[in-house]
């Protein structure tokens, strides 16, 4: 299992603490220095069951600077994936990547359900 985070993100730190408190082993990946590739993002989107636009960090400065709020609605899956792959700060985090699933963001109940079974 891999957790993809930004070290300065408080939600990412909460997610890490959640895993550590439960003794769950994981690999840590810094989204800023090891951003997901287009191929990885396509796989993550498929395994998450979410719409591609849900992978955007909508509260991030870069998202706002690029004026993506309205543009994303008109973008194709391929365009979204290509854009997300350009900068890890565009990607909502943390990402929890397991063998079968990918969770976006940290919702404790959702993580609990995923990790139990």
C-alpha atoms as a PDB file:
ATOM      1  CA  UNK A   1       0.000   0.000   0.000  1.00  0.00           C
ATOM      2  CA  UNK A   2       1.222   3.468  -0.871  1.00  0.00           C
ATOM      3  CA  UNK A   3       0.157   6.842   0.466  1.00  0.00           C
ATOM      4  CA  UNK A   4       0.847   9.746  -1.862  1.00  0.00           C
ATOM      5  CA  UNK A   5       1.089  13.001   0.086  1.00  0.00           C
ATOM      6  CA  UNK A   6       2.437  16.493   0.279  1.00  0.00           C
ATOM      7  CA  UNK A   7       4.575  16.764   3.437  1.00  0.00           C
ATOM      8  CA  UNK A   8       3.201  20.177   4.449  1.00  0.00           C
ATOM      9  CA  UNK A   9      -0.453  19.125   4.081  1.00  0.00           C
ATOM     10  CA  UNK A  10      -2.223  18.730   7.437  1.00  0.00           C
ATOM     11  CA  UNK A  11      -4.749  16.271   5.994  1.00  0.00           C
ATOM     12  CA  UNK A  12      -1.900  14.111   4.706  1.00  0.00           C
ATOM     13  CA  UNK A  13      -0.316  14.150   8.155  1.00  0.00           C
ATOM     14  CA  UNK A  14      -3.641  13.057   9.686  1.00  0.00           C
ATOM     15  CA  UNK A  15      -3.845  10.193   7.197  1.00  0.00           C
ATOM     16  CA  UNK A  16      -0.307   9.079   8.026  1.00  0.00           C
ATOM     17  CA  UNK A  17      -1.062   9.226  11.747  1.00  0.00           C
ATOM     18  CA  UNK A  18      -4.198   7.152  11.134  1.00  0.00           C
ATOM     19  CA  UNK A  19      -2.155   4.404   9.463  1.00  0.00           C
ATOM     20  CA  UNK A  20       0.622   4.512  12.037  1.00  0.00           C
ATOM     21  CA  UNK A  21      -1.786   4.349  15.008  1.00  0.00           C
ATOM     22  CA  UNK A  22      -3.193   1.142  13.539  1.00  0.00           C
ATOM     23  CA  UNK A  23       0.198  -0.356  12.750  1.00  0.00           C
ATOM     24  CA  UNK A  24      -0.531  -0.443   9.026  1.00  0.00           C
ATOM     25  CA  UNK A  25       2.620  -0.606   6.914  1.00  0.00           C
ATOM     26  CA  UNK A  26       2.771   1.722   3.939  1.00  0.00           C
ATOM     27  CA  UNK A  27       5.141   3.280   1.457  1.00  0.00           C
ATOM     28  CA  UNK A  28       5.267   7.073   1.477  1.00  0.00           C
ATOM     29  CA  UNK A  29       5.504   9.029  -1.774  1.00  0.00           C
ATOM     30  CA  UNK A  30       5.926  12.802  -1.962  1.00  0.00           C
ATOM     31  CA  UNK A  31       3.502  14.071  -4.610  1.00  0.00           C
ATOM     32  CA  UNK A  32       5.626  17.148  -5.255  1.00  0.00           C
ATOM     33  CA  UNK A  33       8.864  15.306  -6.054  1.00  0.00           C
ATOM     34  CA  UNK A  34       7.373  12.069  -7.444  1.00  0.00           C
ATOM     35  CA  UNK A  35       4.183  13.199  -9.125  1.00  0.00           C
ATOM     36  CA  UNK A  36       1.940  10.503 -10.599  1.00  0.00           C
ATOM     37  CA  UNK A  37       2.382   9.751 -14.291  1.00  0.00           C
ATOM     38  CA  UNK A  38      -0.462   9.825 -16.791  1.00  0.00           C
ATOM     39  CA  UNK A  39      -0.541   6.021 -16.765  1.00  0.00           C
ATOM     40  CA  UNK A  40      -0.707   5.914 -12.975  1.00  0.00           C
ATOM     41  CA  UNK A  41      -3.432   8.558 -12.866  1.00  0.00           C
ATOM     42  CA  UNK A  42      -5.533   6.667 -15.429  1.00  0.00           C
ATOM     43  CA  UNK A  43      -5.218   3.530 -13.302  1.00  0.00           C
ATOM     44  CA  UNK A  44      -6.007   5.433 -10.086  1.00  0.00           C
ATOM     45  CA  UNK A  45      -9.117   6.966 -11.623  1.00  0.00           C
ATOM     46  CA  UNK A  46     -10.331   3.568 -12.831  1.00  0.00           C
ATOM     47  CA  UNK A  47      -9.685   1.924  -9.458  1.00  0.00           C
ATOM     48  CA  UNK A  48     -11.293   4.761  -7.496  1.00  0.00           C
ATOM     49  CA  UNK A  49     -14.604   4.652  -9.343  1.00  0.00           C
ATOM     50  CA  UNK A  50     -14.633   8.468  -9.291  1.00  0.00           C
ATOM     51  CA  UNK A  51     -14.993  10.936 -12.115  1.00  0.00           C
ATOM     52  CA  UNK A  52     -11.586  12.224 -13.280  1.00  0.00           C
ATOM     53  CA  UNK A  53     -12.374  15.795 -12.178  1.00  0.00           C
ATOM     54  CA  UNK A  54     -12.630  14.584  -8.563  1.00  0.00           C
ATOM     55  CA  UNK A  55      -8.847  14.143  -8.590  1.00  0.00           C
ATOM     56  CA  UNK A  56      -8.256  17.901  -8.690  1.00  0.00           C
ATOM     57  CA  UNK A  57      -7.117  19.713  -5.555  1.00  0.00           C
ATOM     58  CA  UNK A  58      -9.807  22.356  -5.899  1.00  0.00           C
ATOM     59  CA  UNK A  59      -8.629  24.286  -2.845  1.00  0.00           C
ATOM     60  CA  UNK A  60      -5.087  24.617  -4.151  1.00  0.00           C
ATOM     61  CA  UNK A  61      -3.563  27.870  -5.331  1.00  0.00           C
ATOM     62  CA  UNK A  62      -2.460  26.404  -8.672  1.00  0.00           C
ATOM     63  CA  UNK A  63      -6.005  25.226  -9.428  1.00  0.00           C
ATOM     64  CA  UNK A  64      -7.277  28.755  -8.822  1.00  0.00           C
ATOM     65  CA  UNK A  65      -4.395  30.420 -10.690  1.00  0.00           C
ATOM     66  CA  UNK A  66      -5.128  28.314 -13.773  1.00  0.00           C
ATOM     67  CA  UNK A  67      -8.840  29.154 -13.620  1.00  0.00           C
ATOM     68  CA  UNK A  68      -9.800  25.495 -13.709  1.00  0.00           C
ATOM     69  CA  UNK A  69     -13.126  25.733 -11.886  1.00  0.00           C
ATOM     70  CA  UNK A  70     -15.100  26.287 -15.088  1.00  0.00           C
ATOM     71  CA  UNK A  71     -12.638  24.775 -17.559  1.00  0.00           C
ATOM     72  CA  UNK A  72     -12.623  21.296 -15.981  1.00  0.00           C
ATOM     73  CA  UNK A  73     -16.304  20.770 -16.821  1.00  0.00           C
ATOM     74  CA  UNK A  74     -15.491  20.922 -20.537  1.00  0.00           C
ATOM     75  CA  UNK A  75     -12.315  18.801 -20.448  1.00  0.00           C
ATOM     76  CA  UNK A  76     -12.104  15.211 -21.623  1.00  0.00           C
ATOM     77  CA  UNK A  77     -10.768  12.424 -19.422  1.00  0.00           C
ATOM     78  CA  UNK A  78      -7.509  12.450 -21.387  1.00  0.00           C
ATOM     79  CA  UNK A  79      -7.104  16.223 -21.019  1.00  0.00           C
ATOM     80  CA  UNK A  80      -7.715  16.012 -17.276  1.00  0.00           C
ATOM     81  CA  UNK A  81      -5.189  13.206 -16.840  1.00  0.00           C
ATOM     82  CA  UNK A  82      -2.570  15.044 -18.910  1.00  0.00           C
ATOM     83  CA  UNK A  83      -3.047  18.225 -16.865  1.00  0.00           C
ATOM     84  CA  UNK A  84      -2.970  16.423 -13.505  1.00  0.00           C
ATOM     85  CA  UNK A  85       0.303  14.761 -14.500  1.00  0.00           C
ATOM     86  CA  UNK A  86       2.008  18.134 -15.047  1.00  0.00           C
ATOM     87  CA  UNK A  87       2.127  19.103 -11.363  1.00  0.00           C
ATOM     88  CA  UNK A  88       1.489  17.071  -8.225  1.00  0.00           C
ATOM     89  CA  UNK A  89       0.011  20.134  -6.526  1.00  0.00           C
ATOM     90  CA  UNK A  90      -3.014  19.875  -8.841  1.00  0.00           C
ATOM     91  CA  UNK A  91      -3.855  16.434  -7.448  1.00  0.00           C
ATOM     92  CA  UNK A  92      -6.150  16.034  -4.448  1.00  0.00           C
ATOM     93  CA  UNK A  93      -4.365  14.343  -1.613  1.00  0.00           C
ATOM     94  CA  UNK A  94      -3.680  12.127   0.093  1.00  0.00           C
ATOM     95  CA  UNK A  95      -4.081   9.260  -2.321  1.00  0.00           C
ATOM     96  CA  UNK A  96      -4.226   5.821  -0.732  1.00  0.00           C
ATOM     97  CA  UNK A  97      -3.239   3.239  -3.318  1.00  0.00           C
ATOM     98  CA  UNK A  98      -3.931  -0.401  -2.444  1.00  0.00           C
ATOM     99  CA  UNK A  99      -3.885  -3.451  -4.665  1.00  0.00           C
ATOM    100  CA  UNK A 100      -7.471  -3.009  -5.809  1.00  0.00           C
ATOM    101  CA  UNK A 101      -8.593   0.436  -4.724  1.00  0.00           C
ATOM    102  CA  UNK A 102      -7.577   4.051  -4.697  1.00  0.00           C
ATOM    103  CA  UNK A 103      -9.000   6.491  -2.162  1.00  0.00           C
ATOM    104  CA  UNK A 104      -8.813  10.233  -2.764  1.00  0.00           C
ATOM    105  CA  UNK A 105      -8.624  12.535   0.237  1.00  0.00           C
ATOM    106  CA  UNK A 106      -8.844  11.396   3.841  1.00  0.00           C
ATOM    107  CA  UNK A 107     -12.227  10.363   5.160  1.00  0.00           C
ATOM    108  CA  UNK A 108     -11.638   8.131   8.155  1.00  0.00           C
ATOM    109  CA  UNK A 109     -14.792   6.011   7.721  1.00  0.00           C
ATOM    110  CA  UNK A 110     -13.992   5.400   4.051  1.00  0.00           C
ATOM    111  CA  UNK A 111     -10.408   4.418   4.854  1.00  0.00           C
ATOM    112  CA  UNK A 112     -11.598   2.136   7.669  1.00  0.00           C
ATOM    113  CA  UNK A 113     -14.005   0.320   5.337  1.00  0.00           C
ATOM    114  CA  UNK A 114     -11.348  -0.065   2.651  1.00  0.00           C
ATOM    115  CA  UNK A 115      -8.642  -1.321   4.984  1.00  0.00           C
ATOM    116  CA  UNK A 116     -10.918  -3.787   6.779  1.00  0.00           C
ATOM    117  CA  UNK A 117     -11.923  -5.598   3.788  1.00  0.00           C
END
